[in-house]
N, C-alpha and C. Protein backbone atom coordinates (compact mmCIF):
# COMPACT_ATOMS: atom_id res chain seq x y z
N MET A 1 118.66 114.36 119.17
CA MET A 1 117.83 113.29 118.65
C MET A 1 116.42 113.43 119.22
N GLN A 2 115.45 113.05 118.39
CA GLN A 2 114.06 113.10 118.82
C GLN A 2 113.38 111.77 118.51
N LEU A 3 112.60 111.28 119.47
CA LEU A 3 111.85 110.05 119.30
C LEU A 3 110.72 110.28 118.30
N VAL A 4 110.62 109.39 117.30
CA VAL A 4 109.57 109.53 116.30
C VAL A 4 108.65 108.32 116.26
N TYR A 5 109.09 107.15 116.75
CA TYR A 5 108.26 105.96 116.69
C TYR A 5 108.80 104.90 117.64
N ALA A 6 107.88 104.17 118.27
CA ALA A 6 108.25 103.03 119.11
C ALA A 6 107.15 101.99 118.99
N ASN A 7 107.53 100.73 119.10
CA ASN A 7 106.58 99.63 119.01
C ASN A 7 107.24 98.42 119.64
N GLU A 8 106.44 97.55 120.29
CA GLU A 8 107.04 96.36 120.89
C GLU A 8 107.44 95.34 119.83
N ASP A 9 106.98 95.54 118.59
CA ASP A 9 107.32 94.64 117.48
C ASP A 9 108.54 95.19 116.73
N PRO A 10 109.71 94.57 116.90
CA PRO A 10 110.92 95.07 116.23
C PRO A 10 110.81 95.04 114.71
N THR A 11 109.99 94.16 114.16
CA THR A 11 109.83 94.11 112.71
C THR A 11 109.21 95.40 112.20
N LYS A 12 108.19 95.90 112.90
CA LYS A 12 107.56 97.16 112.51
C LYS A 12 108.53 98.32 112.67
N VAL A 13 109.32 98.29 113.72
CA VAL A 13 110.30 99.35 113.95
C VAL A 13 111.30 99.39 112.78
N HIS A 14 111.76 98.23 112.36
CA HIS A 14 112.73 98.21 111.26
C HIS A 14 112.08 98.54 109.92
N LEU A 15 110.82 98.22 109.76
CA LEU A 15 110.10 98.62 108.55
C LEU A 15 110.02 100.14 108.47
N VAL A 16 109.64 100.78 109.57
CA VAL A 16 109.57 102.24 109.61
C VAL A 16 110.96 102.84 109.40
N LYS A 17 111.96 102.25 110.03
CA LYS A 17 113.34 102.73 109.86
C LYS A 17 113.72 102.73 108.37
N GLY A 18 113.41 101.64 107.68
CA GLY A 18 113.71 101.55 106.25
C GLY A 18 112.97 102.58 105.43
N LEU A 19 111.69 102.79 105.76
CA LEU A 19 110.90 103.80 105.04
C LEU A 19 111.51 105.19 105.22
N LEU A 20 111.91 105.50 106.44
CA LEU A 20 112.50 106.82 106.71
C LEU A 20 113.86 106.96 106.01
N GLU A 21 114.67 105.92 106.08
CA GLU A 21 115.99 106.00 105.42
C GLU A 21 115.85 106.13 103.91
N ASN A 22 114.83 105.49 103.33
CA ASN A 22 114.58 105.64 101.89
C ASN A 22 114.23 107.06 101.51
N GLU A 23 113.74 107.83 102.47
CA GLU A 23 113.43 109.25 102.25
C GLU A 23 114.62 110.15 102.57
N GLY A 24 115.76 109.54 102.89
CA GLY A 24 116.95 110.32 103.20
C GLY A 24 117.00 110.85 104.62
N ILE A 25 116.15 110.31 105.49
CA ILE A 25 116.11 110.75 106.89
C ILE A 25 117.00 109.82 107.71
N ARG A 26 118.00 110.40 108.35
CA ARG A 26 118.92 109.60 109.17
C ARG A 26 118.28 109.33 110.52
N VAL A 27 118.21 108.03 110.88
CA VAL A 27 117.60 107.62 112.13
C VAL A 27 118.47 106.58 112.82
N GLU A 28 118.14 106.35 114.09
CA GLU A 28 118.84 105.34 114.89
C GLU A 28 117.78 104.55 115.66
N VAL A 29 117.97 103.23 115.72
CA VAL A 29 117.08 102.39 116.52
C VAL A 29 117.72 102.19 117.89
N GLN A 30 116.92 102.37 118.93
CA GLN A 30 117.37 102.14 120.30
C GLN A 30 116.49 101.07 120.94
N ASN A 31 117.00 100.43 121.97
CA ASN A 31 116.31 99.37 122.72
C ASN A 31 115.97 98.17 121.85
N GLU A 32 116.72 97.97 120.78
CA GLU A 32 116.42 96.92 119.83
C GLU A 32 116.40 95.52 120.46
N PHE A 33 117.30 95.28 121.37
CA PHE A 33 117.41 93.94 121.95
C PHE A 33 117.00 93.89 123.41
N LEU A 34 116.47 94.98 123.93
CA LEU A 34 116.10 95.02 125.34
C LEU A 34 114.99 94.03 125.67
N SER A 35 114.01 93.87 124.78
CA SER A 35 112.92 92.93 125.08
C SER A 35 113.45 91.50 125.15
N THR A 36 114.48 91.17 124.37
CA THR A 36 115.08 89.85 124.44
C THR A 36 115.73 89.65 125.80
N ALA A 37 116.41 90.67 126.27
CA ALA A 37 117.05 90.58 127.59
C ALA A 37 116.03 90.46 128.71
N LEU A 38 114.85 91.05 128.49
CA LEU A 38 113.79 91.00 129.50
C LEU A 38 112.92 89.76 129.36
N GLY A 39 113.19 88.93 128.35
CA GLY A 39 112.42 87.71 128.15
C GLY A 39 111.19 87.89 127.29
N GLY A 40 111.10 88.98 126.55
CA GLY A 40 109.95 89.25 125.69
C GLY A 40 109.39 90.62 126.00
N PRO A 41 108.36 91.02 125.26
CA PRO A 41 107.76 92.34 125.51
C PRO A 41 107.37 92.48 126.98
N SER A 42 107.74 93.60 127.57
CA SER A 42 107.54 93.80 129.00
C SER A 42 106.24 94.51 129.33
N GLY A 43 105.63 95.15 128.33
CA GLY A 43 104.45 95.96 128.61
C GLY A 43 104.82 97.35 129.11
N ILE A 44 106.11 97.63 129.20
CA ILE A 44 106.60 98.94 129.63
C ILE A 44 107.04 99.69 128.38
N PRO A 45 106.30 100.73 127.96
CA PRO A 45 106.60 101.41 126.70
C PRO A 45 108.05 101.88 126.56
N GLN A 46 108.67 102.27 127.66
CA GLN A 46 110.04 102.79 127.59
C GLN A 46 111.06 101.72 127.20
N THR A 47 110.67 100.45 127.23
CA THR A 47 111.60 99.38 126.86
C THR A 47 111.40 98.90 125.43
N ASN A 48 110.40 99.45 124.74
CA ASN A 48 110.14 99.05 123.35
C ASN A 48 111.23 99.54 122.42
N PRO A 49 111.51 98.80 121.34
CA PRO A 49 112.41 99.32 120.33
C PRO A 49 111.85 100.66 119.82
N SER A 50 112.73 101.61 119.57
CA SER A 50 112.28 102.93 119.17
C SER A 50 113.19 103.52 118.10
N ILE A 51 112.62 104.47 117.35
CA ILE A 51 113.37 105.14 116.28
C ILE A 51 113.54 106.60 116.67
N TRP A 52 114.76 107.06 116.56
CA TRP A 52 115.11 108.43 116.90
C TRP A 52 115.68 109.12 115.66
N VAL A 53 115.16 110.30 115.35
CA VAL A 53 115.63 111.10 114.21
C VAL A 53 116.90 111.83 114.65
N LEU A 54 117.95 111.72 113.84
CA LEU A 54 119.24 112.29 114.21
C LEU A 54 119.34 113.79 113.95
N GLU A 55 118.68 114.27 112.89
CA GLU A 55 118.75 115.68 112.54
C GLU A 55 117.44 116.38 112.91
N PRO A 56 117.48 117.38 113.78
CA PRO A 56 116.25 118.06 114.17
C PRO A 56 115.42 118.58 112.98
N ALA A 57 116.08 118.99 111.92
CA ALA A 57 115.38 119.52 110.75
C ALA A 57 114.55 118.45 110.04
N ASP A 58 114.84 117.18 110.27
CA ASP A 58 114.11 116.09 109.62
C ASP A 58 112.92 115.58 110.43
N PHE A 59 112.76 116.07 111.66
CA PHE A 59 111.75 115.50 112.55
C PHE A 59 110.33 115.64 112.01
N ASP A 60 109.95 116.81 111.52
CA ASP A 60 108.58 117.00 111.03
C ASP A 60 108.27 116.08 109.85
N ARG A 61 109.21 115.97 108.95
CA ARG A 61 109.03 115.09 107.78
C ARG A 61 108.93 113.63 108.22
N ALA A 62 109.78 113.23 109.17
CA ALA A 62 109.74 111.86 109.70
C ALA A 62 108.40 111.59 110.38
N SER A 63 107.92 112.56 111.14
CA SER A 63 106.63 112.41 111.83
C SER A 63 105.51 112.20 110.82
N HIS A 64 105.58 112.91 109.70
CA HIS A 64 104.56 112.76 108.65
C HIS A 64 104.55 111.33 108.12
N PHE A 65 105.72 110.76 107.86
CA PHE A 65 105.79 109.40 107.34
C PHE A 65 105.30 108.39 108.37
N VAL A 66 105.64 108.59 109.63
CA VAL A 66 105.18 107.68 110.68
C VAL A 66 103.66 107.76 110.81
N GLU A 67 103.12 108.96 110.75
CA GLU A 67 101.66 109.13 110.83
C GLU A 67 100.97 108.40 109.68
N ALA A 68 101.53 108.49 108.48
CA ALA A 68 100.97 107.80 107.32
C ALA A 68 101.06 106.28 107.51
N PHE A 69 102.14 105.81 108.08
CA PHE A 69 102.32 104.38 108.36
C PHE A 69 101.24 103.89 109.31
N ILE A 70 100.98 104.65 110.36
CA ILE A 70 99.98 104.27 111.35
C ILE A 70 98.58 104.32 110.74
N LYS A 71 98.28 105.37 109.98
CA LYS A 71 96.95 105.50 109.34
C LYS A 71 96.70 104.39 108.33
N ALA A 72 97.77 103.83 107.77
CA ALA A 72 97.62 102.74 106.80
C ALA A 72 97.30 101.42 107.49
N GLY A 73 97.15 101.45 108.81
CA GLY A 73 96.77 100.25 109.52
C GLY A 73 97.91 99.49 110.16
N HIS A 74 99.05 100.13 110.25
CA HIS A 74 100.21 99.46 110.83
C HIS A 74 100.50 99.94 112.24
N ALA A 75 99.47 100.38 112.93
CA ALA A 75 99.64 100.90 114.29
C ALA A 75 100.09 99.81 115.24
N ALA A 76 100.45 100.23 116.41
CA ALA A 76 100.86 99.28 117.44
C ALA A 76 99.72 98.30 117.70
N PRO A 77 100.06 97.04 117.96
CA PRO A 77 99.01 96.07 118.24
C PRO A 77 98.25 96.42 119.50
N GLY A 78 97.01 95.97 119.56
CA GLY A 78 96.20 96.19 120.75
C GLY A 78 96.68 95.31 121.90
N PRO A 79 95.98 95.36 123.00
CA PRO A 79 96.39 94.58 124.15
C PRO A 79 96.14 93.08 123.93
N ALA A 80 96.88 92.26 124.65
CA ALA A 80 96.66 90.82 124.60
C ALA A 80 95.24 90.53 125.06
N TRP A 81 94.68 89.42 124.60
CA TRP A 81 93.31 89.06 124.98
C TRP A 81 93.26 87.57 125.28
N LYS A 82 92.23 87.20 126.03
CA LYS A 82 92.02 85.80 126.41
C LYS A 82 90.93 85.22 125.53
N CYS A 83 91.23 84.11 124.88
CA CYS A 83 90.26 83.48 123.99
C CYS A 83 89.06 83.01 124.80
N PRO A 84 87.85 83.45 124.41
CA PRO A 84 86.66 83.04 125.15
C PRO A 84 86.31 81.57 124.94
N THR A 85 86.88 80.95 123.90
CA THR A 85 86.57 79.54 123.61
C THR A 85 87.45 78.59 124.41
N CYS A 86 88.77 78.82 124.38
CA CYS A 86 89.68 77.86 125.04
C CYS A 86 90.46 78.46 126.20
N GLY A 87 90.39 79.78 126.39
CA GLY A 87 91.07 80.41 127.52
C GLY A 87 92.54 80.75 127.26
N GLU A 88 93.03 80.50 126.05
CA GLU A 88 94.43 80.78 125.72
C GLU A 88 94.69 82.29 125.68
N LYS A 89 95.86 82.73 126.17
CA LYS A 89 96.25 84.13 126.06
C LYS A 89 96.82 84.35 124.67
N VAL A 90 96.30 85.38 123.96
CA VAL A 90 96.68 85.65 122.58
C VAL A 90 97.23 87.07 122.50
N GLN A 91 98.34 87.24 121.78
CA GLN A 91 98.93 88.57 121.62
C GLN A 91 98.00 89.47 120.81
N GLY A 92 98.05 90.76 121.11
CA GLY A 92 97.12 91.73 120.57
C GLY A 92 97.08 91.89 119.07
N GLN A 93 98.15 91.55 118.36
CA GLN A 93 98.14 91.74 116.90
C GLN A 93 97.33 90.66 116.18
N PHE A 94 96.91 89.61 116.92
CA PHE A 94 96.16 88.53 116.29
C PHE A 94 94.66 88.72 116.47
N THR A 95 93.90 88.41 115.41
CA THR A 95 92.45 88.54 115.46
C THR A 95 91.77 87.20 115.71
N ARG A 96 92.54 86.12 115.74
CA ARG A 96 92.02 84.79 116.05
C ARG A 96 93.02 84.06 116.95
N CYS A 97 92.48 83.18 117.77
CA CYS A 97 93.31 82.39 118.67
C CYS A 97 94.17 81.42 117.86
N TRP A 98 95.45 81.35 118.18
CA TRP A 98 96.36 80.45 117.46
C TRP A 98 96.06 78.99 117.79
N LYS A 99 95.46 78.76 118.94
CA LYS A 99 95.23 77.38 119.41
C LYS A 99 93.94 76.78 118.85
N CYS A 100 92.83 77.55 118.90
CA CYS A 100 91.54 76.97 118.50
C CYS A 100 90.84 77.75 117.38
N GLY A 101 91.37 78.92 117.01
CA GLY A 101 90.74 79.72 115.96
C GLY A 101 89.62 80.63 116.47
N GLY A 102 89.42 80.66 117.80
CA GLY A 102 88.38 81.52 118.37
C GLY A 102 88.68 82.99 118.16
N LYS A 103 87.62 83.80 118.23
CA LYS A 103 87.73 85.25 118.06
C LYS A 103 87.61 85.92 119.43
N PRO A 104 88.17 87.13 119.58
CA PRO A 104 88.02 87.83 120.85
C PRO A 104 86.55 88.18 121.11
N ALA A 105 86.21 88.25 122.37
CA ALA A 105 84.84 88.61 122.76
C ALA A 105 84.56 90.03 122.30
N PRO A 106 83.33 90.29 121.82
CA PRO A 106 82.98 91.65 121.40
C PRO A 106 83.08 92.62 122.58
N GLN A 107 83.54 93.84 122.27
CA GLN A 107 83.65 94.87 123.30
C GLN A 107 82.28 95.49 123.54
N ALA A 108 81.98 95.75 124.81
CA ALA A 108 80.68 96.33 125.17
C ALA A 108 80.63 97.81 124.86
């Protein structure tokens, strides 16, 4: 088995899994429930849900589909950020604060 994709968001992992299976690529999801056991995303990449290709001959084709998925804007979310307006901690996949609607501070 070879690792082809991992993300702290299990929804994205299962989306990629479905895309690969629709192409006839046999895969397995690992660490699917580990973040729940840890109380949420741990920030440790090795604990993220991950997709493993079962047949070595399918790895290159699977990698191509994953690369296309990421290029289409479905990459892993960025780091969490602190809202400059209200100070709330916001998960990286959000572009506005859930509490006040504030935007992240511009990067220098």
